[in-house]
N, C-alpha and C. Protein backbone atom coordinates (compact mmCIF):
# COMPACT_ATOMS: atom_id res chain seq x y z
N MET A 1 5.85 -3.76 -28.97
CA MET A 1 6.72 -4.81 -28.52
C MET A 1 5.97 -5.77 -27.59
N TRP A 2 5.22 -5.22 -26.61
CA TRP A 2 4.50 -6.07 -25.68
C TRP A 2 3.43 -6.90 -26.38
N ALA A 3 2.76 -6.28 -27.32
CA ALA A 3 1.68 -6.99 -28.03
C ALA A 3 2.24 -8.13 -28.85
N SER A 4 3.37 -7.90 -29.51
CA SER A 4 3.96 -8.97 -30.32
C SER A 4 4.49 -10.10 -29.44
N ALA A 5 5.05 -9.77 -28.29
CA ALA A 5 5.51 -10.81 -27.37
C ALA A 5 4.33 -11.61 -26.83
N TYR A 6 3.23 -10.93 -26.57
CA TYR A 6 2.00 -11.58 -26.09
C TYR A 6 1.48 -12.55 -27.14
N VAL A 7 1.38 -12.10 -28.37
CA VAL A 7 0.88 -12.96 -29.45
C VAL A 7 1.81 -14.15 -29.67
N LEU A 8 3.11 -13.90 -29.67
CA LEU A 8 4.07 -14.98 -29.87
C LEU A 8 3.97 -16.01 -28.74
N ALA A 9 3.85 -15.54 -27.51
CA ALA A 9 3.73 -16.46 -26.38
C ALA A 9 2.47 -17.32 -26.50
N LEU A 10 1.37 -16.72 -26.90
CA LEU A 10 0.14 -17.50 -27.06
C LEU A 10 0.23 -18.45 -28.24
N LEU A 11 0.93 -18.04 -29.29
CA LEU A 11 1.11 -18.93 -30.44
C LEU A 11 1.94 -20.16 -30.09
N VAL A 12 2.83 -20.02 -29.13
CA VAL A 12 3.65 -21.15 -28.68
C VAL A 12 2.91 -21.96 -27.62
N LEU A 13 2.29 -21.30 -26.65
CA LEU A 13 1.68 -22.00 -25.53
C LEU A 13 0.37 -22.70 -25.88
N THR A 14 -0.43 -22.12 -26.76
CA THR A 14 -1.72 -22.71 -27.06
C THR A 14 -1.61 -24.11 -27.68
N PRO A 15 -0.75 -24.32 -28.69
CA PRO A 15 -0.61 -25.69 -29.19
C PRO A 15 -0.07 -26.67 -28.14
N VAL A 16 0.81 -26.18 -27.27
CA VAL A 16 1.32 -27.04 -26.19
C VAL A 16 0.18 -27.43 -25.27
N TRP A 17 -0.65 -26.46 -24.90
CA TRP A 17 -1.80 -26.73 -24.04
C TRP A 17 -2.76 -27.72 -24.70
N ILE A 18 -3.06 -27.49 -25.97
CA ILE A 18 -3.98 -28.37 -26.69
C ILE A 18 -3.42 -29.79 -26.75
N ALA A 19 -2.15 -29.92 -27.09
CA ALA A 19 -1.54 -31.25 -27.21
C ALA A 19 -1.54 -31.99 -25.88
N THR A 20 -1.17 -31.31 -24.80
CA THR A 20 -1.11 -31.99 -23.51
C THR A 20 -2.49 -32.33 -22.98
N GLU A 21 -3.44 -31.44 -23.13
CA GLU A 21 -4.79 -31.73 -22.65
C GLU A 21 -5.46 -32.81 -23.50
N TYR A 22 -5.25 -32.76 -24.81
CA TYR A 22 -5.83 -33.78 -25.69
C TYR A 22 -5.29 -35.16 -25.33
N ALA A 23 -3.97 -35.22 -25.09
CA ALA A 23 -3.35 -36.51 -24.75
C ALA A 23 -3.79 -37.00 -23.37
N SER A 24 -3.95 -36.10 -22.43
CA SER A 24 -4.27 -36.54 -21.07
C SER A 24 -5.74 -36.90 -20.89
N THR A 25 -6.63 -36.39 -21.74
CA THR A 25 -8.06 -36.70 -21.60
C THR A 25 -8.56 -37.60 -22.72
N ASP A 26 -7.69 -38.01 -23.60
CA ASP A 26 -8.05 -38.88 -24.73
C ASP A 26 -9.15 -38.27 -25.61
N GLY A 27 -9.01 -37.01 -25.91
CA GLY A 27 -9.98 -36.40 -26.82
C GLY A 27 -10.22 -34.93 -26.56
N TRP A 28 -11.19 -34.43 -27.27
CA TRP A 28 -11.54 -33.02 -27.18
C TRP A 28 -12.32 -32.76 -25.91
N PRO A 29 -12.35 -31.52 -25.47
CA PRO A 29 -12.94 -31.24 -24.16
C PRO A 29 -14.46 -31.36 -24.14
N GLU A 30 -14.94 -31.83 -23.03
CA GLU A 30 -16.38 -31.79 -22.77
C GLU A 30 -16.71 -30.53 -21.98
N ARG A 31 -15.76 -30.10 -21.15
CA ARG A 31 -15.91 -28.87 -20.37
C ARG A 31 -14.52 -28.44 -19.89
N PHE A 32 -14.41 -27.18 -19.48
CA PHE A 32 -13.17 -26.66 -18.92
C PHE A 32 -13.31 -26.62 -17.41
N SER A 33 -12.44 -27.35 -16.74
CA SER A 33 -12.50 -27.43 -15.29
C SER A 33 -11.17 -27.93 -14.76
N SER A 34 -10.83 -27.52 -13.56
CA SER A 34 -9.60 -27.99 -12.90
C SER A 34 -9.88 -29.18 -11.98
N GLN A 35 -11.07 -29.74 -12.07
CA GLN A 35 -11.47 -30.83 -11.17
C GLN A 35 -10.78 -32.14 -11.48
N GLY A 36 -10.36 -32.36 -12.72
CA GLY A 36 -9.71 -33.60 -13.08
C GLY A 36 -10.65 -34.72 -13.46
N ASN A 37 -11.90 -34.39 -13.70
CA ASN A 37 -12.86 -35.40 -14.12
C ASN A 37 -12.60 -35.79 -15.57
N PRO A 38 -13.06 -36.97 -15.99
CA PRO A 38 -12.88 -37.37 -17.39
C PRO A 38 -13.52 -36.34 -18.34
N GLY A 39 -12.79 -35.97 -19.34
CA GLY A 39 -13.28 -35.00 -20.32
C GLY A 39 -13.02 -33.55 -19.95
N ASP A 40 -12.48 -33.30 -18.75
CA ASP A 40 -12.19 -31.94 -18.32
C ASP A 40 -10.83 -31.48 -18.85
N TRP A 41 -10.80 -30.30 -19.41
CA TRP A 41 -9.54 -29.69 -19.80
C TRP A 41 -9.24 -28.59 -18.80
N ASP A 42 -8.03 -28.60 -18.26
CA ASP A 42 -7.61 -27.58 -17.30
C ASP A 42 -7.46 -26.24 -18.04
N PRO A 43 -8.15 -25.19 -17.59
CA PRO A 43 -8.16 -23.92 -18.33
C PRO A 43 -7.01 -22.98 -17.99
N TRP A 44 -5.83 -23.47 -17.65
CA TRP A 44 -4.74 -22.59 -17.28
C TRP A 44 -4.35 -21.62 -18.39
N ILE A 45 -4.55 -22.00 -19.64
CA ILE A 45 -4.17 -21.12 -20.75
C ILE A 45 -4.99 -19.83 -20.74
N PHE A 46 -6.23 -19.91 -20.24
CA PHE A 46 -7.07 -18.72 -20.17
C PHE A 46 -6.52 -17.72 -19.17
N TRP A 47 -5.98 -18.21 -18.05
CA TRP A 47 -5.38 -17.31 -17.06
C TRP A 47 -4.11 -16.68 -17.62
N VAL A 48 -3.33 -17.44 -18.36
CA VAL A 48 -2.12 -16.88 -19.00
C VAL A 48 -2.51 -15.81 -20.01
N ALA A 49 -3.54 -16.09 -20.81
CA ALA A 49 -3.99 -15.12 -21.81
C ALA A 49 -4.54 -13.86 -21.15
N LEU A 50 -5.29 -14.02 -20.08
CA LEU A 50 -5.85 -12.87 -19.37
C LEU A 50 -4.75 -12.03 -18.73
N GLY A 51 -3.80 -12.68 -18.09
CA GLY A 51 -2.68 -11.95 -17.49
C GLY A 51 -1.86 -11.20 -18.52
N GLY A 52 -1.59 -11.84 -19.64
CA GLY A 52 -0.85 -11.16 -20.71
C GLY A 52 -1.63 -10.00 -21.30
N ALA A 53 -2.94 -10.16 -21.42
CA ALA A 53 -3.77 -9.08 -21.95
C ALA A 53 -3.76 -7.87 -21.01
N VAL A 54 -3.76 -8.12 -19.72
CA VAL A 54 -3.68 -7.03 -18.74
C VAL A 54 -2.35 -6.30 -18.88
N LEU A 55 -1.26 -7.04 -19.01
CA LEU A 55 0.05 -6.41 -19.17
C LEU A 55 0.13 -5.59 -20.45
N VAL A 56 -0.42 -6.11 -21.54
CA VAL A 56 -0.43 -5.36 -22.80
C VAL A 56 -1.28 -4.10 -22.66
N ALA A 57 -2.41 -4.20 -21.97
CA ALA A 57 -3.28 -3.03 -21.78
C ALA A 57 -2.58 -1.96 -20.94
N ILE A 58 -1.88 -2.38 -19.90
CA ILE A 58 -1.13 -1.42 -19.08
C ILE A 58 -0.05 -0.74 -19.89
N ALA A 59 0.68 -1.50 -20.69
CA ALA A 59 1.73 -0.92 -21.53
C ALA A 59 1.13 0.04 -22.56
N ALA A 60 -0.04 -0.31 -23.11
CA ALA A 60 -0.68 0.57 -24.09
C ALA A 60 -1.14 1.87 -23.44
N LEU A 61 -1.73 1.78 -22.27
CA LEU A 61 -2.16 2.99 -21.57
C LEU A 61 -0.98 3.86 -21.20
N LYS A 62 0.09 3.24 -20.75
CA LYS A 62 1.29 3.99 -20.41
C LYS A 62 1.86 4.68 -21.64
N ALA A 63 1.90 4.00 -22.76
CA ALA A 63 2.43 4.60 -24.00
C ALA A 63 1.53 5.72 -24.50
N TYR A 64 0.22 5.58 -24.29
CA TYR A 64 -0.72 6.58 -24.79
C TYR A 64 -0.74 7.83 -23.92
N PHE A 65 -0.71 7.65 -22.59
CA PHE A 65 -0.87 8.79 -21.70
C PHE A 65 0.42 9.41 -21.21
N TRP A 66 1.51 8.67 -21.19
CA TRP A 66 2.77 9.23 -20.70
C TRP A 66 3.36 10.14 -21.75
N ARG A 67 3.88 11.26 -21.32
CA ARG A 67 4.55 12.18 -22.23
C ARG A 67 5.81 12.68 -21.54
N PRO A 68 6.84 12.98 -22.31
CA PRO A 68 8.06 13.50 -21.68
C PRO A 68 7.82 14.92 -21.16
N PRO A 69 8.58 15.33 -20.14
CA PRO A 69 8.39 16.68 -19.62
C PRO A 69 8.83 17.73 -20.64
N THR A 70 8.16 18.87 -20.62
CA THR A 70 8.51 19.96 -21.54
C THR A 70 9.68 20.74 -20.96
N GLU A 71 10.28 21.57 -21.78
CA GLU A 71 11.39 22.41 -21.33
C GLU A 71 10.95 23.36 -20.22
N VAL A 72 9.74 23.88 -20.33
CA VAL A 72 9.22 24.79 -19.30
C VAL A 72 9.12 24.07 -17.96
N GLU A 73 8.63 22.84 -17.97
CA GLU A 73 8.51 22.08 -16.73
C GLU A 73 9.88 21.78 -16.13
N ILE A 74 10.83 21.46 -16.97
CA ILE A 74 12.20 21.18 -16.49
C ILE A 74 12.80 22.43 -15.88
N ASP A 75 12.66 23.57 -16.58
CA ASP A 75 13.20 24.83 -16.05
C ASP A 75 12.55 25.21 -14.73
N ARG A 76 11.24 25.00 -14.62
CA ARG A 76 10.53 25.30 -13.38
C ARG A 76 11.05 24.44 -12.24
N GLU A 77 11.30 23.17 -12.48
CA GLU A 77 11.79 22.26 -11.45
C GLU A 77 13.21 22.61 -11.04
N VAL A 78 14.05 22.96 -12.01
CA VAL A 78 15.44 23.37 -11.69
C VAL A 78 15.42 24.62 -10.84
N LYS A 79 14.58 25.58 -11.20
CA LYS A 79 14.47 26.82 -10.42
C LYS A 79 13.99 26.51 -9.00
N ARG A 80 12.99 25.64 -8.87
CA ARG A 80 12.47 25.27 -7.56
C ARG A 80 13.54 24.62 -6.69
N LEU A 81 14.34 23.74 -7.30
CA LEU A 81 15.38 23.04 -6.55
C LEU A 81 16.49 23.99 -6.12
N ARG A 82 16.83 24.93 -7.00
CA ARG A 82 17.90 25.89 -6.65
C ARG A 82 17.44 26.82 -5.53
N GLU A 83 16.20 27.23 -5.55
CA GLU A 83 15.70 28.14 -4.50
C GLU A 83 15.50 27.42 -3.18
N GLY A 84 15.37 26.12 -3.21
CA GLY A 84 15.14 25.36 -1.99
C GLY A 84 16.40 25.12 -1.16
N ARG A 85 17.57 25.44 -1.66
CA ARG A 85 18.83 25.18 -0.93
C ARG A 85 19.04 26.11 0.21
């Protein structure tokens, strides 16, 4: 789910970024910079892509390593809680 949302967001945002940067600099980029010089394209899309990739990686690691508790673990915890009263 996270990966598909990430891809969909980039599929929507990337053309928007290209269109706005192309229109504001009157052409294709000479370099990526936030300085505002002629020919500079603001690289904000790269930060969005990097942030989304980190979120997808965290979700993937969580899905891979997280496991539900076993019945033995649940029984052990219930026993511990009952004895602690």
